[in-house]
Amino acid sequence: MHQIVLAPGSSTVPQRHPNEAVYHLTVGTGVVRDLDSGEAADLRVGSMFHVDEGTGYAFVAGPEGAELIGGPCPPDPAIYTGRGV
């Protein structure tokens, strides 16, 4: 499980994992973008989102920043080598 803390308006790098991922927004607001379909969903504190295996995605923090917990399961080793894209 990971903790991701983002400054206002910042975003994660594009992600794509061989397994599914789940995140919970614990602080702030933001948008999760499906990089394959172009769809986006607004998130607020308490929101959870699921990403299907192999789907490209990125999270963009709202104006007050954001904090998420979660990640791919099982963990994606590429994250730790800088190739989690």
N, C-alpha and C. Protein backbone atom coordinates (compact mmCIF):
# COMPACT_ATOMS: atom_id res chain seq x y z
N MET A 1 0.86 -1.17 0.00
CA MET A 1 0.00 0.00 0.00
C MET A 1 0.91 1.23 0.00
N HIS A 2 0.50 2.24 -0.75
CA HIS A 2 1.28 3.46 -0.86
C HIS A 2 0.48 4.66 -0.34
N GLN A 3 1.20 5.66 0.12
CA GLN A 3 0.62 6.95 0.45
C GLN A 3 1.16 7.93 -0.59
N ILE A 4 0.26 8.61 -1.27
CA ILE A 4 0.64 9.58 -2.29
C ILE A 4 0.14 10.94 -1.84
N VAL A 5 1.04 11.90 -1.70
CA VAL A 5 0.69 13.26 -1.30
C VAL A 5 1.03 14.19 -2.46
N LEU A 6 0.01 14.92 -2.93
CA LEU A 6 0.18 15.80 -4.08
C LEU A 6 -0.11 17.25 -3.71
N ALA A 7 0.72 18.15 -4.19
CA ALA A 7 0.51 19.59 -4.00
C ALA A 7 -0.68 20.03 -4.86
N PRO A 8 -1.26 21.18 -4.54
CA PRO A 8 -2.39 21.68 -5.32
C PRO A 8 -2.08 21.70 -6.82
N GLY A 9 -2.99 21.10 -7.60
CA GLY A 9 -2.88 21.10 -9.06
C GLY A 9 -1.85 20.16 -9.64
N SER A 10 -1.10 19.44 -8.80
CA SER A 10 -0.09 18.52 -9.34
C SER A 10 -0.73 17.17 -9.65
N SER A 11 0.04 16.31 -10.32
CA SER A 11 -0.52 15.03 -10.73
C SER A 11 0.50 13.91 -10.59
N THR A 12 -0.02 12.69 -10.59
CA THR A 12 0.86 11.54 -10.65
C THR A 12 1.37 11.41 -12.08
N VAL A 13 2.44 10.66 -12.27
CA VAL A 13 2.87 10.33 -13.62
C VAL A 13 1.85 9.34 -14.17
N PRO A 14 1.71 9.23 -15.48
CA PRO A 14 0.81 8.22 -16.03
C PRO A 14 1.20 6.83 -15.52
N GLN A 15 0.21 6.05 -15.14
CA GLN A 15 0.44 4.70 -14.60
C GLN A 15 -0.25 3.66 -15.47
N ARG A 16 0.31 2.47 -15.50
CA ARG A 16 -0.32 1.31 -16.14
C ARG A 16 0.32 0.09 -15.50
N HIS A 17 -0.50 -0.80 -14.94
CA HIS A 17 0.02 -1.95 -14.21
C HIS A 17 -0.57 -3.24 -14.78
N PRO A 18 0.16 -4.36 -14.63
CA PRO A 18 -0.37 -5.63 -15.13
C PRO A 18 -1.52 -6.18 -14.28
N ASN A 19 -1.73 -5.59 -13.10
CA ASN A 19 -2.82 -6.02 -12.21
C ASN A 19 -3.69 -4.82 -11.85
N GLU A 20 -4.83 -5.09 -11.25
CA GLU A 20 -5.74 -4.02 -10.87
C GLU A 20 -5.15 -3.17 -9.74
N ALA A 21 -5.72 -1.97 -9.56
CA ALA A 21 -5.29 -1.07 -8.49
C ALA A 21 -6.53 -0.45 -7.85
N VAL A 22 -6.41 -0.09 -6.57
CA VAL A 22 -7.49 0.57 -5.83
C VAL A 22 -6.88 1.67 -4.98
N TYR A 23 -7.54 2.82 -4.94
CA TYR A 23 -7.08 3.96 -4.16
C TYR A 23 -8.23 4.55 -3.35
N HIS A 24 -7.90 5.20 -2.24
CA HIS A 24 -8.86 5.90 -1.39
C HIS A 24 -8.33 7.31 -1.19
N LEU A 25 -9.18 8.30 -1.43
CA LEU A 25 -8.79 9.70 -1.25
C LEU A 25 -9.07 10.10 0.20
N THR A 26 -8.00 10.40 0.95
CA THR A 26 -8.13 10.71 2.37
C THR A 26 -8.12 12.20 2.67
N VAL A 27 -7.57 13.01 1.77
CA VAL A 27 -7.48 14.46 1.96
C VAL A 27 -7.66 15.14 0.61
N GLY A 28 -8.43 16.23 0.58
CA GLY A 28 -8.53 17.06 -0.62
C GLY A 28 -9.56 16.59 -1.63
N THR A 29 -9.35 17.03 -2.86
CA THR A 29 -10.20 16.67 -3.99
C THR A 29 -9.29 16.41 -5.18
N GLY A 30 -9.88 15.90 -6.25
CA GLY A 30 -9.10 15.69 -7.46
C GLY A 30 -9.90 15.01 -8.53
N VAL A 31 -9.19 14.61 -9.58
CA VAL A 31 -9.79 13.95 -10.73
C VAL A 31 -8.91 12.76 -11.09
N VAL A 32 -9.53 11.60 -11.34
CA VAL A 32 -8.79 10.47 -11.88
C VAL A 32 -9.16 10.38 -13.36
N ARG A 33 -8.14 10.26 -14.20
CA ARG A 33 -8.34 10.21 -15.65
C ARG A 33 -7.99 8.82 -16.18
N ASP A 34 -8.90 8.26 -16.98
CA ASP A 34 -8.65 7.02 -17.70
C ASP A 34 -7.94 7.42 -18.99
N LEU A 35 -6.68 7.12 -19.10
CA LEU A 35 -5.89 7.57 -20.25
C LEU A 35 -6.19 6.80 -21.51
N ASP A 36 -6.91 5.69 -21.41
CA ASP A 36 -7.28 4.92 -22.59
C ASP A 36 -8.60 5.38 -23.20
N SER A 37 -9.59 5.64 -22.33
CA SER A 37 -10.92 6.04 -22.83
C SER A 37 -11.10 7.55 -22.87
N GLY A 38 -10.26 8.28 -22.11
CA GLY A 38 -10.43 9.73 -22.02
C GLY A 38 -11.43 10.15 -20.97
N GLU A 39 -12.07 9.20 -20.30
CA GLU A 39 -13.04 9.53 -19.25
C GLU A 39 -12.33 10.05 -18.01
N ALA A 40 -13.06 10.84 -17.21
CA ALA A 40 -12.52 11.38 -15.96
C ALA A 40 -13.62 11.35 -14.91
N ALA A 41 -13.21 11.21 -13.65
CA ALA A 41 -14.17 11.21 -12.54
C ALA A 41 -13.66 12.13 -11.44
N ASP A 42 -14.54 13.00 -10.96
CA ASP A 42 -14.21 13.88 -9.83
C ASP A 42 -14.24 13.06 -8.54
N LEU A 43 -13.29 13.37 -7.66
CA LEU A 43 -13.20 12.66 -6.38
C LEU A 43 -13.15 13.65 -5.24
N ARG A 44 -13.67 13.24 -4.09
CA ARG A 44 -13.62 14.05 -2.87
C ARG A 44 -13.23 13.12 -1.72
N VAL A 45 -12.98 13.69 -0.56
CA VAL A 45 -12.58 12.88 0.60
C VAL A 45 -13.57 11.73 0.78
N GLY A 46 -13.03 10.55 0.95
CA GLY A 46 -13.84 9.35 1.13
C GLY A 46 -14.06 8.57 -0.15
N SER A 47 -13.77 9.18 -1.31
CA SER A 47 -13.94 8.47 -2.58
C SER A 47 -12.92 7.35 -2.72
N MET A 48 -13.35 6.29 -3.37
CA MET A 48 -12.45 5.20 -3.74
C MET A 48 -12.58 5.01 -5.24
N PHE A 49 -11.47 4.59 -5.87
CA PHE A 49 -11.58 4.24 -7.28
C PHE A 49 -10.77 3.00 -7.58
N HIS A 50 -11.30 2.24 -8.52
CA HIS A 50 -10.72 0.97 -8.95
C HIS A 50 -10.24 1.15 -10.38
N VAL A 51 -9.06 0.60 -10.68
CA VAL A 51 -8.50 0.65 -12.02
C VAL A 51 -8.30 -0.79 -12.49
N ASP A 52 -8.90 -1.13 -13.63
CA ASP A 52 -8.74 -2.48 -14.18
C ASP A 52 -7.30 -2.71 -14.61
N GLU A 53 -6.90 -3.96 -14.60
CA GLU A 53 -5.54 -4.31 -15.03
C GLU A 53 -5.26 -3.81 -16.44
N GLY A 54 -4.07 -3.27 -16.64
CA GLY A 54 -3.65 -2.81 -17.95
C GLY A 54 -4.19 -1.46 -18.39
N THR A 55 -5.02 -0.82 -17.57
CA THR A 55 -5.61 0.48 -17.92
C THR A 55 -4.66 1.61 -17.54
N GLY A 56 -4.45 2.55 -18.46
CA GLY A 56 -3.63 3.72 -18.17
C GLY A 56 -4.44 4.74 -17.38
N TYR A 57 -3.82 5.35 -16.36
CA TYR A 57 -4.54 6.32 -15.54
C TYR A 57 -3.57 7.31 -14.92
N ALA A 58 -4.12 8.44 -14.48
CA ALA A 58 -3.38 9.45 -13.73
C ALA A 58 -4.36 10.15 -12.82
N PHE A 59 -3.86 10.66 -11.69
CA PHE A 59 -4.66 11.40 -10.73
C PHE A 59 -4.15 12.82 -10.69
N VAL A 60 -5.07 13.79 -10.74
CA VAL A 60 -4.73 15.22 -10.67
C VAL A 60 -5.36 15.79 -9.41
N ALA A 61 -4.54 16.41 -8.56
CA ALA A 61 -5.03 16.98 -7.31
C ALA A 61 -5.83 18.26 -7.56
N GLY A 62 -6.79 18.51 -6.70
CA GLY A 62 -7.58 19.74 -6.76
C GLY A 62 -6.81 20.92 -6.19
N PRO A 63 -7.48 22.08 -6.03
CA PRO A 63 -6.82 23.31 -5.60
C PRO A 63 -6.25 23.28 -4.19
N GLU A 64 -6.69 22.34 -3.36
CA GLU A 64 -6.14 22.25 -2.01
C GLU A 64 -5.17 21.09 -1.84
N GLY A 65 -4.81 20.43 -2.96
CA GLY A 65 -3.94 19.27 -2.90
C GLY A 65 -4.73 18.01 -2.60
N ALA A 66 -4.03 16.90 -2.46
CA ALA A 66 -4.72 15.64 -2.21
C ALA A 66 -3.76 14.62 -1.58
N GLU A 67 -4.35 13.68 -0.89
CA GLU A 67 -3.60 12.55 -0.34
C GLU A 67 -4.41 11.29 -0.61
N LEU A 68 -3.74 10.29 -1.17
CA LEU A 68 -4.37 9.01 -1.50
C LEU A 68 -3.61 7.89 -0.81
N ILE A 69 -4.31 6.80 -0.53
CA ILE A 69 -3.65 5.58 -0.13
C ILE A 69 -4.14 4.47 -1.05
N GLY A 70 -3.28 3.51 -1.34
CA GLY A 70 -3.66 2.39 -2.18
C GLY A 70 -2.56 2.02 -3.13
N GLY A 71 -2.95 1.40 -4.25
CA GLY A 71 -1.99 1.01 -5.26
C GLY A 71 -2.39 -0.29 -5.93
N PRO A 72 -1.50 -0.77 -6.82
CA PRO A 72 -1.79 -2.02 -7.51
C PRO A 72 -1.63 -3.22 -6.57
N CYS A 73 -2.40 -4.27 -6.87
CA CYS A 73 -2.34 -5.48 -6.06
C CYS A 73 -2.36 -6.70 -6.98
N PRO A 74 -1.35 -7.56 -6.91
CA PRO A 74 -0.16 -7.41 -6.09
C PRO A 74 0.67 -6.23 -6.56
N PRO A 75 1.65 -5.80 -5.75
CA PRO A 75 2.47 -4.65 -6.12
C PRO A 75 3.14 -4.85 -7.48
N ASP A 76 3.29 -3.77 -8.22
CA ASP A 76 3.93 -3.78 -9.53
C ASP A 76 5.41 -3.44 -9.34
N PRO A 77 6.33 -4.37 -9.55
CA PRO A 77 7.75 -4.10 -9.33
C PRO A 77 8.28 -2.94 -10.18
N ALA A 78 7.66 -2.65 -11.30
CA ALA A 78 8.11 -1.55 -12.16
C ALA A 78 8.05 -0.20 -11.46
N ILE A 79 7.16 -0.06 -10.48
CA ILE A 79 7.05 1.20 -9.73
C ILE A 79 8.38 1.52 -9.06
N TYR A 80 9.05 0.51 -8.58
CA TYR A 80 10.26 0.70 -7.79
C TYR A 80 11.52 0.84 -8.62
N THR A 81 11.38 0.64 -9.92
CA THR A 81 12.53 0.81 -10.80
C THR A 81 12.37 2.03 -11.70
N GLY A 82 11.30 2.82 -11.44
CA GLY A 82 11.06 4.03 -12.23
C GLY A 82 10.40 3.77 -13.55
N ARG A 83 9.85 2.55 -13.75
CA ARG A 83 9.21 2.23 -15.02
C ARG A 83 7.74 1.89 -14.84
N GLY A 84 7.07 2.51 -13.86
CA GLY A 84 5.67 2.21 -13.58
C GLY A 84 4.73 2.94 -14.52
N VAL A 85 5.14 3.14 -15.75
CA VAL A 85 4.32 3.87 -16.73
C VAL A 85 3.76 2.91 -17.74
